[in-house]
């Protein structure tokens, strides 16, 4: 499928890991790869020398090093680079709006500490209207699986969850991988019950069978669109974040949703997505939806 995957680089190992992941994904999907680095002169920059020419050469080197790395590993991928004369957050948000997918690096320290989301990544995630993937550079003692399931967390079983499932199934199809769709359920509070909901639960044989039935119905259009993708449906009682993470070992990618804010809503990531970003060992795709 045609399209563009954009990588935001900052000169760290984590952003290089993001470039590696994005290049592999571009090769699988037949997409172009765009490498960008947002740079404006910072007179008090403590990372590189304060001279603007030196800073600009360093910024250009960030792009050049990443370009050489991905073109060597994936010579068939069309790669372009651009030095963006803007602050990182607005620059990356503008890039995200134009790309099919934005990929960023994130500092990671394993399953316990998990991701350390920088302020730039966090602000971009909260405001982006297109999917964003966070990739961290694994520690030396961590396994680096090249294959595995696409694990997707689905709480919204109506059509609002469609973009999340669409992304997961497309990613699985590109990898010839299986999709594991995870949905957690819990006993609703008494005030949430109604005669209609009681009837549906009774007709389905209980709350868990009802949750399974609703998930199966939500997946039907995606099974039809991607008949080549093997699907596992996992429904379990418990915390949504815990159930999702317990199904993630060995996953190649975790896909979660983020509800787009309404006119008066705050820009929030959500507790399940927050947990996935901080504790999943694999790359995490955050897909906005209504």
Protein backbone atom coordinates (compact mmCIF):
# COMPACT_ATOMS: atom_id res chain seq x y z
CA UNK A 1 0.00 0.00 0.00
CA UNK A 2 1.37 3.45 -0.84
CA UNK A 3 2.02 6.03 1.80
CA UNK A 4 4.66 7.65 3.98
CA UNK A 5 6.09 6.71 7.35
CA UNK A 6 7.80 9.62 9.10
CA UNK A 7 10.41 9.27 11.84
CA UNK A 8 11.24 12.06 14.26
CA UNK A 9 14.95 11.89 15.12
CA UNK A 10 16.78 13.47 18.04
CA UNK A 11 20.25 11.90 17.81
CA UNK A 12 19.70 9.26 20.51
CA UNK A 13 19.94 5.48 20.24
CA UNK A 14 16.20 5.35 20.85
CA UNK A 15 15.42 7.42 17.79
CA UNK A 16 17.75 5.21 15.73
CA UNK A 17 15.77 2.21 16.96
CA UNK A 18 12.65 4.04 15.79
CA UNK A 19 14.25 4.58 12.37
CA UNK A 20 15.15 0.88 12.14
CA UNK A 21 11.59 -0.16 13.00
CA UNK A 22 10.05 2.35 10.61
CA UNK A 23 12.34 1.28 7.74
CA UNK A 24 11.39 -2.36 8.24
CA UNK A 25 7.71 -1.40 8.33
CA UNK A 26 8.09 0.69 5.16
CA UNK A 27 9.74 -2.24 3.41
CA UNK A 28 6.92 -4.57 4.45
CA UNK A 29 4.18 -2.20 3.31
CA UNK A 30 5.86 -0.75 0.23
CA UNK A 31 5.81 2.74 1.73
CA UNK A 32 8.25 5.63 1.58
CA UNK A 33 10.31 6.63 4.61
CA UNK A 34 10.80 10.24 5.69
CA UNK A 35 13.41 11.15 8.31
CA UNK A 36 13.06 14.53 10.01
CA UNK A 37 14.86 16.43 12.71
CA UNK A 38 13.45 19.63 14.19
CA UNK A 39 16.18 22.14 14.87
CA UNK A 40 16.36 25.82 15.78
CA UNK A 41 19.45 27.49 17.17
CA UNK A 42 19.60 27.35 20.95
CA UNK A 43 22.28 29.72 22.31
CA UNK A 44 22.36 27.91 25.67
CA UNK A 45 22.25 24.37 24.28
CA UNK A 46 24.25 22.10 26.59
CA UNK A 47 24.29 19.10 24.24
CA UNK A 48 26.46 20.54 21.50
CA UNK A 49 28.54 23.68 21.18
CA UNK A 50 26.74 27.00 21.27
CA UNK A 51 27.94 28.08 17.83
CA UNK A 52 24.99 27.94 15.38
CA UNK A 53 27.09 26.48 12.54
CA UNK A 54 28.31 23.69 14.79
CA UNK A 55 24.78 22.97 15.96
CA UNK A 56 23.46 22.89 12.42
CA UNK A 57 26.22 20.49 11.31
CA UNK A 58 25.36 18.24 14.25
CA UNK A 59 21.66 18.33 13.32
CA UNK A 60 22.46 17.51 9.70
CA UNK A 61 24.65 14.67 10.94
CA UNK A 62 21.73 13.21 12.87
CA UNK A 63 19.80 12.90 9.61
CA UNK A 64 22.80 11.70 7.62
CA UNK A 65 23.70 8.95 10.07
CA UNK A 66 20.16 7.66 10.19
CA UNK A 67 19.80 7.79 6.41
CA UNK A 68 22.99 5.79 5.90
CA UNK A 69 21.85 3.27 8.48
CA UNK A 70 18.42 2.56 6.99
CA UNK A 71 19.44 2.66 3.33
CA UNK A 72 22.15 0.09 4.03
CA UNK A 73 19.73 -2.22 5.84
CA UNK A 74 16.80 -1.63 3.48
CA UNK A 75 18.11 -0.55 0.07
CA UNK A 76 14.71 -0.92 -1.58
CA UNK A 77 13.01 1.71 0.58
CA UNK A 78 12.70 5.24 -0.79
CA UNK A 79 14.16 7.56 1.87
CA UNK A 80 14.02 11.35 2.12
CA UNK A 81 15.32 13.61 4.87
CA UNK A 82 14.55 17.12 6.02
CA UNK A 83 15.88 19.46 8.68
CA UNK A 84 12.85 21.28 10.06
CA UNK A 85 13.49 24.86 11.22
CA UNK A 86 10.96 24.73 14.06
CA UNK A 87 10.46 23.64 17.64
CA UNK A 88 10.03 19.86 17.97
CA UNK A 89 6.41 19.59 19.12
CA UNK A 90 4.72 21.78 16.47
CA UNK A 91 7.08 20.42 13.81
CA UNK A 92 6.28 16.79 14.63
CA UNK A 93 2.55 17.47 14.87
CA UNK A 94 2.63 19.02 11.41
CA UNK A 95 4.54 16.01 10.11
CA UNK A 96 2.13 13.59 11.80
CA UNK A 97 -0.81 15.28 10.10
CA UNK A 98 0.78 14.67 6.67
CA UNK A 99 2.10 11.15 7.21
CA UNK A 100 0.30 7.82 7.39
CA UNK A 101 2.31 7.01 10.49
CA UNK A 102 4.67 8.91 12.79
CA UNK A 103 7.37 6.93 14.63
CA UNK A 104 9.26 8.25 17.63
CA UNK A 105 11.91 6.83 19.93
CA UNK A 106 11.35 6.47 23.65
CA UNK A 107 13.80 5.71 26.40
CA UNK A 108 13.09 2.29 27.83
CA UNK A 109 14.38 0.36 30.82
CA UNK A 110 12.56 -2.95 30.75
CA UNK A 111 9.30 -4.32 32.09
CA UNK A 112 9.48 -2.78 35.55
CA UNK A 113 10.40 0.81 34.80
CA UNK A 114 9.19 0.66 31.20
CA UNK A 115 9.11 3.67 28.94
CA UNK A 116 10.32 7.06 30.03
CA UNK A 117 8.22 9.34 27.88
CA UNK A 118 9.95 12.60 27.15
CA UNK A 119 7.93 15.79 27.13
CA UNK A 120 8.09 16.01 23.33
CA UNK A 121 6.74 12.49 22.77
CA UNK A 122 4.05 12.96 25.39
CA UNK A 123 2.82 16.25 23.91
CA UNK A 124 2.81 14.80 20.40
CA UNK A 125 0.88 11.72 21.52
CA UNK A 126 -1.74 13.86 23.23
CA UNK A 127 -2.36 16.03 20.17
CA UNK A 128 -1.67 13.91 17.08
CA UNK A 129 -4.68 13.08 14.93
CA UNK A 130 -2.94 10.20 13.12
CA UNK A 131 -1.34 7.01 14.50
CA UNK A 132 1.94 7.33 16.39
CA UNK A 133 4.30 4.44 17.20
CA UNK A 134 6.70 4.60 20.15
CA UNK A 135 9.84 2.47 19.82
CA UNK A 136 12.49 2.05 22.45
CA UNK A 137 16.00 0.71 22.14
CA UNK A 138 16.04 -2.63 24.03
CA UNK A 139 18.62 -3.42 26.66
CA UNK A 140 21.36 -5.88 25.76
CA UNK A 141 19.87 -8.57 28.00
CA UNK A 142 16.42 -8.33 26.40
CA UNK A 143 15.34 -10.63 23.56
CA UNK A 144 14.77 -8.99 20.21
CA UNK A 145 12.01 -10.96 18.49
CA UNK A 146 11.65 -10.28 14.78
CA UNK A 147 8.27 -11.99 14.59
CA UNK A 148 5.28 -12.33 16.82
CA UNK A 149 1.64 -11.51 17.26
CA UNK A 150 0.00 -8.15 16.85
CA UNK A 151 -1.72 -7.60 20.19
CA UNK A 152 -4.56 -5.09 20.17
CA UNK A 153 -6.57 -3.90 23.13
CA UNK A 154 -10.24 -3.25 22.37
CA UNK A 155 -12.65 -1.79 24.89
CA UNK A 156 -14.79 0.08 22.38
CA UNK A 157 -16.70 -2.62 20.50
CA UNK A 158 -18.84 -0.19 18.52
CA UNK A 159 -17.69 1.48 15.32
CA UNK A 160 -15.55 4.02 17.22
CA UNK A 161 -13.01 1.23 17.78
CA UNK A 162 -12.74 0.65 14.03
CA UNK A 163 -9.53 2.66 13.44
CA UNK A 164 -7.72 0.68 16.15
CA UNK A 165 -8.74 -2.67 14.66
CA UNK A 166 -8.03 -1.46 11.13
CA UNK A 167 -4.47 -0.56 12.12
CA UNK A 168 -3.91 -3.88 13.91
CA UNK A 169 -5.24 -6.02 11.06
CA UNK A 170 -3.26 -4.07 8.43
CA UNK A 171 -0.07 -4.48 10.48
CA UNK A 172 -0.71 -8.20 10.83
CA UNK A 173 -1.42 -8.61 7.13
CA UNK A 174 1.85 -6.86 6.25
CA UNK A 175 3.78 -9.27 8.52
CA UNK A 176 1.78 -12.43 7.79
CA UNK A 177 1.21 -12.48 11.55
CA UNK A 178 -1.63 -13.35 13.85
CA UNK A 179 -3.79 -10.77 15.62
CA UNK A 180 -4.61 -11.30 19.28
CA UNK A 181 -7.59 -9.14 20.18
CA UNK A 182 -7.83 -8.57 23.92
CA UNK A 183 -10.91 -7.32 25.73
CA UNK A 184 -11.25 -7.07 29.51
CA UNK A 185 -14.61 -7.01 31.22
CA UNK A 186 -15.81 -6.36 34.75
CA UNK A 187 -19.04 -6.60 36.67
CA UNK A 188 -20.83 -3.27 36.19
CA UNK A 189 -22.10 -1.34 39.22
CA UNK A 190 -25.71 -1.79 40.18
CA UNK A 191 -26.75 1.68 38.98
CA UNK A 192 -25.49 0.84 35.48
CA UNK A 193 -27.93 -2.02 35.05
CA UNK A 194 -31.13 -1.63 33.09
CA UNK A 195 -33.85 -4.12 32.09
CA UNK A 196 -32.41 -4.12 28.57
CA UNK A 197 -28.85 -4.88 29.65
CA UNK A 198 -30.07 -7.60 32.03
CA UNK A 199 -32.03 -9.20 29.21
CA UNK A 200 -29.01 -9.17 26.85
CA UNK A 201 -26.75 -10.72 29.48
CA UNK A 202 -29.33 -13.38 30.30
CA UNK A 203 -29.89 -14.15 26.63
CA UNK A 204 -26.13 -14.55 26.05
CA UNK A 205 -25.73 -16.82 29.07
CA UNK A 206 -23.95 -14.36 31.35
CA UNK A 207 -21.68 -11.34 31.32
CA UNK A 208 -18.60 -13.02 29.91
CA UNK A 209 -20.45 -14.75 27.04
CA UNK A 210 -22.04 -11.37 26.29
CA UNK A 211 -18.60 -9.72 26.17
CA UNK A 212 -17.37 -12.48 23.84
CA UNK A 213 -20.40 -12.10 21.60
CA UNK A 214 -19.95 -8.36 21.30
CA UNK A 215 -16.26 -8.72 20.47
CA UNK A 216 -16.98 -11.37 17.83
CA UNK A 217 -19.55 -9.09 16.22
CA UNK A 218 -17.14 -6.13 16.25
CA UNK A 219 -14.45 -8.22 14.55
CA UNK A 220 -16.67 -9.56 11.78
CA UNK A 221 -16.01 -6.76 9.22
CA UNK A 222 -12.26 -6.94 9.81
CA UNK A 223 -12.18 -10.71 9.43
CA UNK A 224 -13.99 -10.25 6.13
CA UNK A 225 -11.63 -7.51 4.95
CA UNK A 226 -8.50 -9.44 5.99
CA UNK A 227 -9.43 -13.12 5.51
CA UNK A 228 -5.74 -14.10 5.44
CA UNK A 229 -5.16 -12.92 9.00
CA UNK A 230 -5.45 -15.49 11.78
CA UNK A 231 -7.33 -14.06 14.78
CA UNK A 232 -7.36 -15.01 18.45
CA UNK A 233 -10.13 -13.51 20.58
CA UNK A 234 -9.20 -13.17 24.25
CA UNK A 235 -11.86 -12.06 26.72
CA UNK A 236 -11.00 -11.99 30.42
CA UNK A 237 -12.35 -10.44 33.58
CA UNK A 238 -10.01 -7.97 35.25
CA UNK A 239 -8.22 -4.66 34.85
CA UNK A 240 -8.00 -3.71 31.19
CA UNK A 241 -4.34 -2.68 31.49
CA UNK A 242 -3.32 -5.84 33.36
CA UNK A 243 -5.19 -8.15 30.99
CA UNK A 244 -3.66 -6.45 27.97
CA UNK A 245 -0.09 -6.52 29.30
CA UNK A 246 -0.40 -10.15 30.40
CA UNK A 247 -1.09 -11.04 26.76
CA UNK A 248 1.86 -9.09 25.37
CA UNK A 249 4.97 -11.28 25.97
CA UNK A 250 6.50 -12.09 22.60
CA UNK A 251 4.35 -9.55 20.76
CA UNK A 252 5.84 -7.80 17.75
CA UNK A 253 3.58 -4.77 18.21
CA UNK A 254 0.92 -3.62 20.66
CA UNK A 255 -1.92 -1.47 19.34
CA UNK A 256 -4.02 0.70 21.64
CA UNK A 257 -6.48 3.52 21.12
CA UNK A 258 -6.68 7.10 22.26
CA UNK A 259 -9.96 8.93 22.16
CA UNK A 260 -9.80 12.24 20.31
CA UNK A 261 -10.84 15.11 22.57
CA UNK A 262 -14.17 16.82 22.16
CA UNK A 263 -14.73 20.56 22.31
CA UNK A 264 -14.27 20.70 26.09
CA UNK A 265 -12.22 17.57 26.78
CA UNK A 266 -8.66 17.56 28.04
CA UNK A 267 -6.01 15.93 25.88
CA UNK A 268 -5.56 12.67 27.74
CA UNK A 269 -3.83 9.47 26.75
CA UNK A 270 -5.97 7.18 28.90
CA UNK A 271 -4.98 4.78 31.66
CA UNK A 272 -4.72 1.65 29.50
CA UNK A 273 -2.66 3.37 26.82
CA UNK A 274 -0.51 4.96 29.53
CA UNK A 275 0.18 1.52 31.04
CA UNK A 276 1.01 0.04 27.63
CA UNK A 277 3.47 2.83 26.86
CA UNK A 278 5.24 2.43 30.19
CA UNK A 279 5.39 -1.34 30.52
CA UNK A 280 5.15 -3.10 27.14
CA UNK A 281 8.47 -4.44 25.86
CA UNK A 282 7.45 -4.19 22.20
CA UNK A 283 6.75 -1.07 20.12
CA UNK A 284 3.37 0.49 20.90
CA UNK A 285 1.07 2.04 18.30
CA UNK A 286 -1.35 4.65 19.61
CA UNK A 287 -4.30 5.11 17.24
CA UNK A 288 -6.65 8.09 17.74
CA UNK A 289 -10.35 7.47 17.36
CA UNK A 290 -13.61 9.30 17.99
